[in-house]
C-alpha atoms as a PDB file:
ATOM      1  CA  UNK A   1     238.031 136.218 -76.583  1.00  0.00           C
ATOM      2  CA  UNK A   2     239.880 132.988 -77.117  1.00  0.00           C
ATOM      3  CA  UNK A   3     242.036 134.920 -79.600  1.00  0.00           C
ATOM      4  CA  UNK A   4     242.903 137.437 -76.958  1.00  0.00           C
ATOM      5  CA  UNK A   5     243.808 134.618 -74.576  1.00  0.00           C
ATOM      6  CA  UNK A   6     246.010 133.047 -77.187  1.00  0.00           C
ATOM      7  CA  UNK A   7     247.472 136.362 -77.857  1.00  0.00           C
ATOM      8  CA  UNK A   8     248.306 137.006 -74.117  1.00  0.00           C
ATOM      9  CA  UNK A   9     249.856 133.382 -73.587  1.00  0.00           C
ATOM     10  CA  UNK A  10     252.077 134.088 -76.910  1.00  0.00           C
ATOM     11  CA  UNK A  11     253.234 137.554 -75.355  1.00  0.00           C
ATOM     12  CA  UNK A  12     254.136 135.756 -72.068  1.00  0.00           C
ATOM     13  CA  UNK A  13     255.999 132.989 -73.817  1.00  0.00           C
ATOM     14  CA  UNK A  14     257.774 135.356 -75.871  1.00  0.00           C
ATOM     15  CA  UNK A  15     258.793 137.508 -72.680  1.00  0.00           C
ATOM     16  CA  UNK A  16     260.078 134.414 -70.975  1.00  0.00           C
ATOM     17  CA  UNK A  17     261.924 133.418 -73.875  1.00  0.00           C
ATOM     18  CA  UNK A  18     263.494 136.813 -73.993  1.00  0.00           C
ATOM     19  CA  UNK A  19     264.459 136.533 -70.226  1.00  0.00           C
ATOM     20  CA  UNK A  20     265.955 133.158 -70.969  1.00  0.00           C
ATOM     21  CA  UNK A  21     268.145 134.502 -73.923  1.00  0.00           C
ATOM     22  CA  UNK A  22     269.202 137.241 -71.802  1.00  0.00           C
ATOM     23  CA  UNK A  23     270.517 135.011 -69.109  1.00  0.00           C
ATOM     24  CA  UNK A  24     271.990 132.589 -71.338  1.00  0.00           C
ATOM     25  CA  UNK A  25     273.907 135.563 -73.273  1.00  0.00           C
ATOM     26  CA  UNK A  26     275.122 136.906 -69.893  1.00  0.00           C
ATOM     27  CA  UNK A  27     276.290 133.299 -69.012  1.00  0.00           C
ATOM     28  CA  UNK A  28     278.196 133.109 -72.373  1.00  0.00           C
ATOM     29  CA  UNK A  29     279.933 136.546 -71.772  1.00  0.00           C
ATOM     30  CA  UNK A  30     281.057 135.450 -68.415  1.00  0.00           C
ATOM     31  CA  UNK A  31     282.472 132.258 -70.036  1.00  0.00           C
ATOM     32  CA  UNK A  32     284.156 134.257 -72.728  1.00  0.00           C
ATOM     33  CA  UNK A  33     285.731 136.548 -70.012  1.00  0.00           C
ATOM     34  CA  UNK A  34     287.006 133.600 -67.967  1.00  0.00           C
ATOM     35  CA  UNK A  35     288.644 132.139 -71.209  1.00  0.00           C
ATOM     36  CA  UNK A  36     290.374 135.179 -71.994  1.00  0.00           C
ATOM     37  CA  UNK A  37     291.838 135.401 -68.556  1.00  0.00           C
ATOM     38  CA  UNK A  38     293.040 131.701 -68.747  1.00  0.00           C
ATOM     39  CA  UNK A  39     294.576 132.418 -71.984  1.00  0.00           C
ATOM     40  CA  UNK A  40     296.523 135.484 -70.491  1.00  0.00           C
ATOM     41  CA  UNK A  41     297.485 133.888 -67.257  1.00  0.00           C
ATOM     42  CA  UNK A  42     298.258 130.216 -68.423  1.00  0.00           C
ATOM     43  CA  UNK A  43     298.737 129.800 -72.100  1.00  0.00           C
ATOM     44  CA  UNK A  44     301.016 132.927 -72.500  1.00  0.00           C
ATOM     45  CA  UNK A  45     303.601 131.858 -69.826  1.00  0.00           C
ATOM     46  CA  UNK A  46     303.700 128.426 -71.687  1.00  0.00           C
ATOM     47  CA  UNK A  47     304.297 130.215 -74.989  1.00  0.00           C
ATOM     48  CA  UNK A  48     307.123 132.282 -73.385  1.00  0.00           C
ATOM     49  CA  UNK A  49     308.646 129.019 -71.776  1.00  0.00           C
ATOM     50  CA  UNK A  50     308.633 127.348 -75.129  1.00  0.00           C
ATOM     51  CA  UNK A  51     310.278 130.212 -76.712  1.00  0.00           C
ATOM     52  CA  UNK A  52     312.969 130.090 -73.703  1.00  0.00           C
ATOM     53  CA  UNK A  53     313.416 126.567 -74.546  1.00  0.00           C
ATOM     54  CA  UNK A  54     314.039 126.906 -78.357  1.00  0.00           C
ATOM     55  CA  UNK A  55     316.474 129.659 -77.387  1.00  0.00           C
ATOM     56  CA  UNK A  56     318.375 127.401 -75.346  1.00  0.00           C
ATOM     57  CA  UNK A  57     318.376 124.623 -78.068  1.00  0.00           C
ATOM     58  CA  UNK A  58     319.526 126.922 -80.531  1.00  0.00           C
ATOM     59  CA  UNK A  59     322.552 127.927 -78.191  1.00  0.00           C
ATOM     60  CA  UNK A  60     323.089 124.228 -77.720  1.00  0.00           C
ATOM     61  CA  UNK A  61     323.178 123.774 -81.382  1.00  0.00           C
ATOM     62  CA  UNK A  62     325.517 126.512 -81.833  1.00  0.00           C
ATOM     63  CA  UNK A  63     327.973 125.325 -79.157  1.00  0.00           C
ATOM     64  CA  UNK A  64     328.112 121.769 -80.369  1.00  0.00           C
ATOM     65  CA  UNK A  65     328.751 123.067 -83.927  1.00  0.00           C
ATOM     66  CA  UNK A  66     331.685 125.245 -82.981  1.00  0.00           C
ATOM     67  CA  UNK A  67     333.202 123.014 -80.451  1.00  0.00           C
ATOM     68  CA  UNK A  68     332.730 119.503 -82.081  1.00  0.00           C
ATOM     69  CA  UNK A  69     331.580 119.673 -85.770  1.00  0.00           C
ATOM     70  CA  UNK A  70     333.972 122.261 -87.032  1.00  0.00           C
ATOM     71  CA  UNK A  71     337.030 120.682 -85.759  1.00  0.00           C
ATOM     72  CA  UNK A  72     336.109 117.320 -86.761  1.00  0.00           C
ATOM     73  CA  UNK A  73     335.506 118.524 -90.271  1.00  0.00           C
ATOM     74  CA  UNK A  74     338.882 120.301 -90.240  1.00  0.00           C
ATOM     75  CA  UNK A  75     340.694 117.178 -89.105  1.00  0.00           C
ATOM     76  CA  UNK A  76     338.622 115.044 -91.565  1.00  0.00           C
ATOM     77  CA  UNK A  77     339.316 117.488 -94.324  1.00  0.00           C
ATOM     78  CA  UNK A  78     343.218 117.463 -93.476  1.00  0.00           C
ATOM     79  CA  UNK A  79     343.245 113.523 -93.293  1.00  0.00           C
ATOM     80  CA  UNK A  80     341.588 113.533 -96.803  1.00  0.00           C
ATOM     81  CA  UNK A  81     344.254 115.831 -98.189  1.00  0.00           C
ATOM     82  CA  UNK A  82     347.033 113.671 -96.790  1.00  0.00           C
ATOM     83  CA  UNK A  83     345.498 110.488 -97.996  1.00  0.00           C
ATOM     84  CA  UNK A  84     344.924 111.997-101.442  1.00  0.00           C
ATOM     85  CA  UNK A  85     348.590 113.256-101.572  1.00  0.00           C
ATOM     86  CA  UNK A  86     349.933 110.131-100.490  1.00  0.00           C
ATOM     87  CA  UNK A  87     348.200 108.250-103.246  1.00  0.00           C
ATOM     88  CA  UNK A  88     349.402 110.835-105.705  1.00  0.00           C
ATOM     89  CA  UNK A  89     353.071 110.484-104.515  1.00  0.00           C
ATOM     90  CA  UNK A  90     352.707 106.461-104.697  1.00  0.00           C
ATOM     91  CA  UNK A  91     351.278 106.822-108.090  1.00  0.00           C
ATOM     92  CA  UNK A  92     354.067 108.960-109.462  1.00  0.00           C
ATOM     93  CA  UNK A  93     356.776 106.393-107.742  1.00  0.00           C
ATOM     94  CA  UNK A  94     355.031 103.471-109.514  1.00  0.00           C
ATOM     95  CA  UNK A  95     354.997 105.291-112.963  1.00  0.00           C
ATOM     96  CA  UNK A  96     358.694 106.113-112.306  1.00  0.00           C
ATOM     97  CA  UNK A  97     359.565 102.520-111.620  1.00  0.00           C
ATOM     98  CA  UNK A  98     357.359 101.217-114.507  1.00  0.00           C
ATOM     99  CA  UNK A  99     358.893 103.805-117.035  1.00  0.00           C
END
């Protein structure tokens, strides 16, 4: 008799536990669905904007490289060549005078 009552209480507790687990699982599924929706609607546009910004920065770098850096390197190279040529000519004159 007591064993039967304990059995009935255990069955009732297991049934309640199963219902609670089912409800919690349903809540979990709803939360996962909300997370997926948020990732699609909010994070994807942010990543797209970051990609657009990176493309803009790359374009700016290319523009600065072509309009500022390359001409500056050319001028600097030419100046170094002229300076070296002048040194060479002055060295030849000094040798000619000294010899």
